[in-house]
Amino acid sequence: MPTNLAIDDDLLEEARRIGGRKTKRETVNDALREFIQRRQRQELVALFGHVDYDAAYDYKKERRRR
């Protein structure tokens, strides 16, 4: 899907060089993937302390049932 974007050329060139990518397209796609992964990790980190933990849970016992 072709898209026209106004992106700072100096910023894009620096990202391309640092990321070791050959094209602008590779650079932008790589940056978008990295952005998504970082946000997903932040969502997981936000769950710490909010998920109930049962110290008595025996995961080995559950494994034997299968």
PDB file of N, CA and C in Angstrom:
ATOM      1  N   MET A   1       0.842  -1.161   0.000  1.00  0.00           N
ATOM      2  CA  MET A   1       0.000   0.000   0.000  1.00  0.00           C
ATOM      3  C   MET A   1       0.898   1.239   0.000  1.00  0.00           C
ATOM      4  N   PRO A   2       0.992   1.942  -1.094  1.00  0.00           N
ATOM      5  CA  PRO A   2       1.813   3.146  -1.157  1.00  0.00           C
ATOM      6  C   PRO A   2       1.277   4.238  -0.237  1.00  0.00           C
ATOM      7  N   THR A   3       2.185   4.877   0.466  1.00  0.00           N
ATOM      8  CA  THR A   3       1.813   5.954   1.379  1.00  0.00           C
ATOM      9  C   THR A   3       2.836   7.068   1.253  1.00  0.00           C
ATOM     10  N   ASN A   4       2.384   8.278   1.180  1.00  0.00           N
ATOM     11  CA  ASN A   4       3.279   9.435   1.143  1.00  0.00           C
ATOM     12  C   ASN A   4       3.358  10.029   2.536  1.00  0.00           C
ATOM     13  N   LEU A   5       4.584  10.133   3.044  1.00  0.00           N
ATOM     14  CA  LEU A   5       4.797  10.702   4.369  1.00  0.00           C
ATOM     15  C   LEU A   5       5.869  11.775   4.293  1.00  0.00           C
ATOM     16  N   ALA A   6       5.722  12.798   5.085  1.00  0.00           N
ATOM     17  CA  ALA A   6       6.743  13.836   5.197  1.00  0.00           C
ATOM     18  C   ALA A   6       7.620  13.492   6.389  1.00  0.00           C
ATOM     19  N   ILE A   7       8.760  12.865   6.108  1.00  0.00           N
ATOM     20  CA  ILE A   7       9.676  12.417   7.159  1.00  0.00           C
ATOM     21  C   ILE A   7      10.966  13.213   7.051  1.00  0.00           C
ATOM     22  N   ASP A   8      11.494  13.626   8.187  1.00  0.00           N
ATOM     23  CA  ASP A   8      12.755  14.357   8.233  1.00  0.00           C
ATOM     24  C   ASP A   8      13.850  13.494   7.595  1.00  0.00           C
ATOM     25  N   ASP A   9      14.417  13.969   6.483  1.00  0.00           N
ATOM     26  CA  ASP A   9      15.419  13.183   5.746  1.00  0.00           C
ATOM     27  C   ASP A   9      16.672  12.901   6.568  1.00  0.00           C
ATOM     28  N   ASP A  10      17.118  13.884   7.365  1.00  0.00           N
ATOM     29  CA  ASP A  10      18.316  13.676   8.186  1.00  0.00           C
ATOM     30  C   ASP A  10      18.068  12.607   9.245  1.00  0.00           C
ATOM     31  N   LEU A  11      16.897  12.663   9.851  1.00  0.00           N
ATOM     32  CA  LEU A  11      16.531  11.686  10.875  1.00  0.00           C
ATOM     33  C   LEU A  11      16.434  10.282  10.274  1.00  0.00           C
ATOM     34  N   LEU A  12      15.805  10.196   9.129  1.00  0.00           N
ATOM     35  CA  LEU A  12      15.658   8.909   8.453  1.00  0.00           C
ATOM     36  C   LEU A  12      17.012   8.351   8.032  1.00  0.00           C
ATOM     37  N   GLU A  13      17.883   9.199   7.536  1.00  0.00           N
ATOM     38  CA  GLU A  13      19.214   8.750   7.111  1.00  0.00           C
ATOM     39  C   GLU A  13      20.030   8.267   8.305  1.00  0.00           C
ATOM     40  N   GLU A  14      19.930   8.963   9.417  1.00  0.00           N
ATOM     41  CA  GLU A  14      20.656   8.530  10.619  1.00  0.00           C
ATOM     42  C   GLU A  14      20.124   7.189  11.120  1.00  0.00           C
ATOM     43  N   ALA A  15      18.807   7.028  11.121  1.00  0.00           N
ATOM     44  CA  ALA A  15      18.205   5.758  11.541  1.00  0.00           C
ATOM     45  C   ALA A  15      18.625   4.631  10.602  1.00  0.00           C
ATOM     46  N   ARG A  16      18.667   4.914   9.305  1.00  0.00           N
ATOM     47  CA  ARG A  16      19.086   3.906   8.329  1.00  0.00           C
ATOM     48  C   ARG A  16      20.533   3.484   8.581  1.00  0.00           C
ATOM     49  N   ARG A  17      21.398   4.460   8.814  1.00  0.00           N
ATOM     50  CA  ARG A  17      22.812   4.182   9.047  1.00  0.00           C
ATOM     51  C   ARG A  17      23.016   3.392  10.343  1.00  0.00           C
ATOM     52  N   ILE A  18      22.382   3.840  11.420  1.00  0.00           N
ATOM     53  CA  ILE A  18      22.539   3.178  12.718  1.00  0.00           C
ATOM     54  C   ILE A  18      21.957   1.766  12.687  1.00  0.00           C
ATOM     55  N   GLY A  19      20.819   1.617  12.013  1.00  0.00           N
ATOM     56  CA  GLY A  19      20.167   0.312  11.937  1.00  0.00           C
ATOM     57  C   GLY A  19      20.793  -0.632  10.935  1.00  0.00           C
ATOM     58  N   GLY A  20      21.699  -0.110  10.103  1.00  0.00           N
ATOM     59  CA  GLY A  20      22.361  -0.961   9.122  1.00  0.00           C
ATOM     60  C   GLY A  20      21.442  -1.405   7.996  1.00  0.00           C
ATOM     61  N   ARG A  21      20.432  -0.624   7.707  1.00  0.00           N
ATOM     62  CA  ARG A  21      19.486  -0.965   6.643  1.00  0.00           C
ATOM     63  C   ARG A  21      19.933  -0.338   5.338  1.00  0.00           C
ATOM     64  N   LYS A  22      19.539  -0.947   4.219  1.00  0.00           N
ATOM     65  CA  LYS A  22      19.945  -0.450   2.902  1.00  0.00           C
ATOM     66  C   LYS A  22      18.953   0.553   2.329  1.00  0.00           C
ATOM     67  N   THR A  23      17.684   0.435   2.693  1.00  0.00           N
ATOM     68  CA  THR A  23      16.673   1.303   2.102  1.00  0.00           C
ATOM     69  C   THR A  23      15.872   2.033   3.174  1.00  0.00           C
ATOM     70  N   LYS A  24      15.205   3.092   2.734  1.00  0.00           N
ATOM     71  CA  LYS A  24      14.327   3.840   3.637  1.00  0.00           C
ATOM     72  C   LYS A  24      13.169   2.952   4.078  1.00  0.00           C
ATOM     73  N   ARG A  25      12.665   2.166   3.146  1.00  0.00           N
ATOM     74  CA  ARG A  25      11.531   1.286   3.458  1.00  0.00           C
ATOM     75  C   ARG A  25      11.891   0.294   4.560  1.00  0.00           C
ATOM     76  N   GLU A  26      13.054  -0.341   4.457  1.00  0.00           N
ATOM     77  CA  GLU A  26      13.502  -1.280   5.498  1.00  0.00           C
ATOM     78  C   GLU A  26      13.623  -0.554   6.829  1.00  0.00           C
ATOM     79  N   THR A  27      14.149   0.661   6.780  1.00  0.00           N
ATOM     80  CA  THR A  27      14.355   1.446   7.998  1.00  0.00           C
ATOM     81  C   THR A  27      13.030   1.761   8.685  1.00  0.00           C
ATOM     82  N   VAL A  28      12.067   2.226   7.913  1.00  0.00           N
ATOM     83  CA  VAL A  28      10.767   2.585   8.484  1.00  0.00           C
ATOM     84  C   VAL A  28      10.053   1.348   9.017  1.00  0.00           C
ATOM     85  N   ASN A  29      10.057   0.250   8.256  1.00  0.00           N
ATOM     86  CA  ASN A  29       9.397  -0.974   8.715  1.00  0.00           C
ATOM     87  C   ASN A  29      10.046  -1.501   9.988  1.00  0.00           C
ATOM     88  N   ASP A  30      11.366  -1.471  10.041  1.00  0.00           N
ATOM     89  CA  ASP A  30      12.086  -1.934  11.227  1.00  0.00           C
ATOM     90  C   ASP A  30      11.750  -1.055  12.435  1.00  0.00           C
ATOM     91  N   ALA A  31      11.691   0.255  12.215  1.00  0.00           N
ATOM     92  CA  ALA A  31      11.373   1.182  13.303  1.00  0.00           C
ATOM     93  C   ALA A  31       9.952   0.962  13.811  1.00  0.00           C
ATOM     94  N   LEU A  32       9.025   0.704  12.904  1.00  0.00           N
ATOM     95  CA  LEU A  32       7.643   0.448  13.318  1.00  0.00           C
ATOM     96  C   LEU A  32       7.538  -0.842  14.130  1.00  0.00           C
ATOM     97  N   ARG A  33       8.234  -1.888  13.691  1.00  0.00           N
ATOM     98  CA  ARG A  33       8.226  -3.150  14.452  1.00  0.00           C
ATOM     99  C   ARG A  33       8.805  -2.948  15.848  1.00  0.00           C
ATOM    100  N   GLU A  34       9.911  -2.209  15.922  1.00  0.00           N
ATOM    101  CA  GLU A  34      10.546  -1.944  17.213  1.00  0.00           C
ATOM    102  C   GLU A  34       9.621  -1.125  18.123  1.00  0.00           C
ATOM    103  N   PHE A  35       8.934  -0.147  17.566  1.00  0.00           N
ATOM    104  CA  PHE A  35       7.986   0.674  18.319  1.00  0.00           C
ATOM    105  C   PHE A  35       6.866  -0.194  18.896  1.00  0.00           C
ATOM    106  N   ILE A  36       6.306  -1.065  18.074  1.00  0.00           N
ATOM    107  CA  ILE A  36       5.218  -1.950  18.511  1.00  0.00           C
ATOM    108  C   ILE A  36       5.693  -2.886  19.616  1.00  0.00           C
ATOM    109  N   GLN A  37       6.871  -3.489  19.444  1.00  0.00           N
ATOM    110  CA  GLN A  37       7.408  -4.401  20.456  1.00  0.00           C
ATOM    111  C   GLN A  37       7.631  -3.677  21.778  1.00  0.00           C
ATOM    112  N   ARG A  38       8.157  -2.464  21.713  1.00  0.00           N
ATOM    113  CA  ARG A  38       8.416  -1.705  22.942  1.00  0.00           C
ATOM    114  C   ARG A  38       7.108  -1.407  23.673  1.00  0.00           C
ATOM    115  N   ARG A  39       6.073  -1.011  22.939  1.00  0.00           N
ATOM    116  CA  ARG A  39       4.781  -0.718  23.559  1.00  0.00           C
ATOM    117  C   ARG A  39       4.154  -1.976  24.157  1.00  0.00           C
ATOM    118  N   GLN A  40       4.303  -3.104  23.474  1.00  0.00           N
ATOM    119  CA  GLN A  40       3.760  -4.361  24.005  1.00  0.00           C
ATOM    120  C   GLN A  40       4.479  -4.755  25.291  1.00  0.00           C
ATOM    121  N   ARG A  41       5.788  -4.545  25.351  1.00  0.00           N
ATOM    122  CA  ARG A  41       6.533  -4.830  26.586  1.00  0.00           C
ATOM    123  C   ARG A  41       6.071  -3.924  27.714  1.00  0.00           C
ATOM    124  N   GLN A  42       5.805  -2.663  27.399  1.00  0.00           N
ATOM    125  CA  GLN A  42       5.330  -1.728  28.421  1.00  0.00           C
ATOM    126  C   GLN A  42       3.987  -2.171  28.980  1.00  0.00           C
ATOM    127  N   GLU A  43       3.132  -2.707  28.121  1.00  0.00           N
ATOM    128  CA  GLU A  43       1.832  -3.204  28.588  1.00  0.00           C
ATOM    129  C   GLU A  43       2.017  -4.386  29.532  1.00  0.00           C
ATOM    130  N   LEU A  44       2.972  -5.267  29.220  1.00  0.00           N
ATOM    131  CA  LEU A  44       3.235  -6.409  30.105  1.00  0.00           C
ATOM    132  C   LEU A  44       3.801  -5.952  31.439  1.00  0.00           C
ATOM    133  N   VAL A  45       4.702  -5.001  31.401  1.00  0.00           N
ATOM    134  CA  VAL A  45       5.304  -4.491  32.635  1.00  0.00           C
ATOM    135  C   VAL A  45       4.226  -3.867  33.517  1.00  0.00           C
ATOM    136  N   ALA A  46       3.247  -3.235  32.908  1.00  0.00           N
ATOM    137  CA  ALA A  46       2.170  -2.605  33.681  1.00  0.00           C
ATOM    138  C   ALA A  46       1.349  -3.641  34.450  1.00  0.00           C
ATOM    139  N   LEU A  47       1.386  -4.895  34.027  1.00  0.00           N
ATOM    140  CA  LEU A  47       0.631  -5.948  34.708  1.00  0.00           C
ATOM    141  C   LEU A  47       1.311  -6.421  36.003  1.00  0.00           C
ATOM    142  N   PHE A  48       2.615  -6.166  36.141  1.00  0.00           N
ATOM    143  CA  PHE A  48       3.321  -6.610  37.339  1.00  0.00           C
ATOM    144  C   PHE A  48       2.667  -6.017  38.574  1.00  0.00           C
ATOM    145  N   GLY A  49       2.384  -6.873  39.516  1.00  0.00           N
ATOM    146  CA  GLY A  49       1.738  -6.446  40.750  1.00  0.00           C
ATOM    147  C   GLY A  49       0.221  -6.452  40.663  1.00  0.00           C
ATOM    148  N   HIS A  50      -0.329  -6.735  39.491  1.00  0.00           N
ATOM    149  CA  HIS A  50      -1.779  -6.740  39.324  1.00  0.00           C
ATOM    150  C   HIS A  50      -2.328  -8.143  39.064  1.00  0.00           C
ATOM    151  N   VAL A  51      -1.444  -9.099  38.853  1.00  0.00           N
ATOM    152  CA  VAL A  51      -1.870 -10.474  38.606  1.00  0.00           C
ATOM    153  C   VAL A  51      -1.729 -11.245  39.918  1.00  0.00           C
ATOM    154  N   ASP A  52      -2.780 -11.922  40.315  1.00  0.00           N
ATOM    155  CA  ASP A  52      -2.743 -12.672  41.562  1.00  0.00           C
ATOM    156  C   ASP A  52      -1.792 -13.860  41.442  1.00  0.00           C
ATOM    157  N   TYR A  53      -1.028 -14.097  42.490  1.00  0.00           N
ATOM    158  CA  TYR A  53      -0.072 -15.190  42.538  1.00  0.00           C
ATOM    159  C   TYR A  53      -0.467 -16.123  43.668  1.00  0.00           C
ATOM    160  N   ASP A  54      -0.586 -17.404  43.366  1.00  0.00           N
ATOM    161  CA  ASP A  54      -0.943 -18.410  44.363  1.00  0.00           C
ATOM    162  C   ASP A  54       0.292 -19.249  44.652  1.00  0.00           C
ATOM    163  N   ALA A  55       0.909 -19.028  45.796  1.00  0.00           N
ATOM    164  CA  ALA A  55       2.137 -19.735  46.155  1.00  0.00           C
ATOM    165  C   ALA A  55       1.907 -21.236  46.317  1.00  0.00           C
ATOM    166  N   ALA A  56       0.683 -21.638  46.587  1.00  0.00           N
ATOM    167  CA  ALA A  56       0.384 -23.058  46.785  1.00  0.00           C
ATOM    168  C   ALA A  56       0.098 -23.793  45.469  1.00  0.00           C
ATOM    169  N   TYR A  57       0.049 -23.093  44.361  1.00  0.00           N
ATOM    170  CA  TYR A  57      -0.265 -23.718  43.070  1.00  0.00           C
ATOM    171  C   TYR A  57       0.845 -24.680  42.676  1.00  0.00           C
ATOM    172  N   ASP A  58       0.490 -25.897  42.330  1.00  0.00           N
ATOM    173  CA  ASP A  58       1.466 -26.933  41.961  1.00  0.00           C
ATOM    174  C   ASP A  58       1.371 -27.185  40.453  1.00  0.00           C
ATOM    175  N   TYR A  59       2.227 -26.532  39.706  1.00  0.00           N
ATOM    176  CA  TYR A  59       2.174 -26.671  38.251  1.00  0.00           C
ATOM    177  C   TYR A  59       2.578 -28.072  37.810  1.00  0.00           C
ATOM    178  N   LYS A  60       3.404 -28.755  38.596  1.00  0.00           N
ATOM    179  CA  LYS A  60       3.803 -30.121  38.236  1.00  0.00           C
ATOM    180  C   LYS A  60       2.613 -31.074  38.338  1.00  0.00           C
ATOM    181  N   LYS A  61       1.780 -30.860  39.331  1.00  0.00           N
ATOM    182  CA  LYS A  61       0.583 -31.678  39.487  1.00  0.00           C
ATOM    183  C   LYS A  61      -0.351 -31.476  38.294  1.00  0.00           C
ATOM    184  N   GLU A  62      -0.509 -30.256  37.848  1.00  0.00           N
ATOM    185  CA  GLU A  62      -1.354 -29.963  36.690  1.00  0.00           C
ATOM    186  C   GLU A  62      -0.807 -30.635  35.431  1.00  0.00           C
ATOM    187  N   ARG A  63       0.497 -30.719  35.312  1.00  0.00           N
ATOM    188  CA  ARG A  63       1.122 -31.342  34.153  1.00  0.00           C
ATOM    189  C   ARG A  63       0.799 -32.837  34.093  1.00  0.00           C
ATOM    190  N   ARG A  64       0.738 -33.490  35.229  1.00  0.00           N
ATOM    191  CA  ARG A  64       0.476 -34.929  35.275  1.00  0.00           C
ATOM    192  C   ARG A  64      -0.944 -35.277  34.856  1.00  0.00           C
ATOM    193  N   ARG A  65      -1.870 -34.351  34.997  1.00  0.00           N
ATOM    194  CA  ARG A  65      -3.257 -34.613  34.654  1.00  0.00           C
ATOM    195  C   ARG A  65      -3.457 -34.795  33.155  1.00  0.00           C
ATOM    196  N   ARG A  66      -2.606 -34.279  32.366  1.00  0.00           N
ATOM    197  CA  ARG A  66      -2.778 -34.309  30.909  1.00  0.00           C
ATOM    198  C   ARG A  66      -2.334 -35.585  30.313  1.00  0.00           C
TER     199      ARG A  66
END
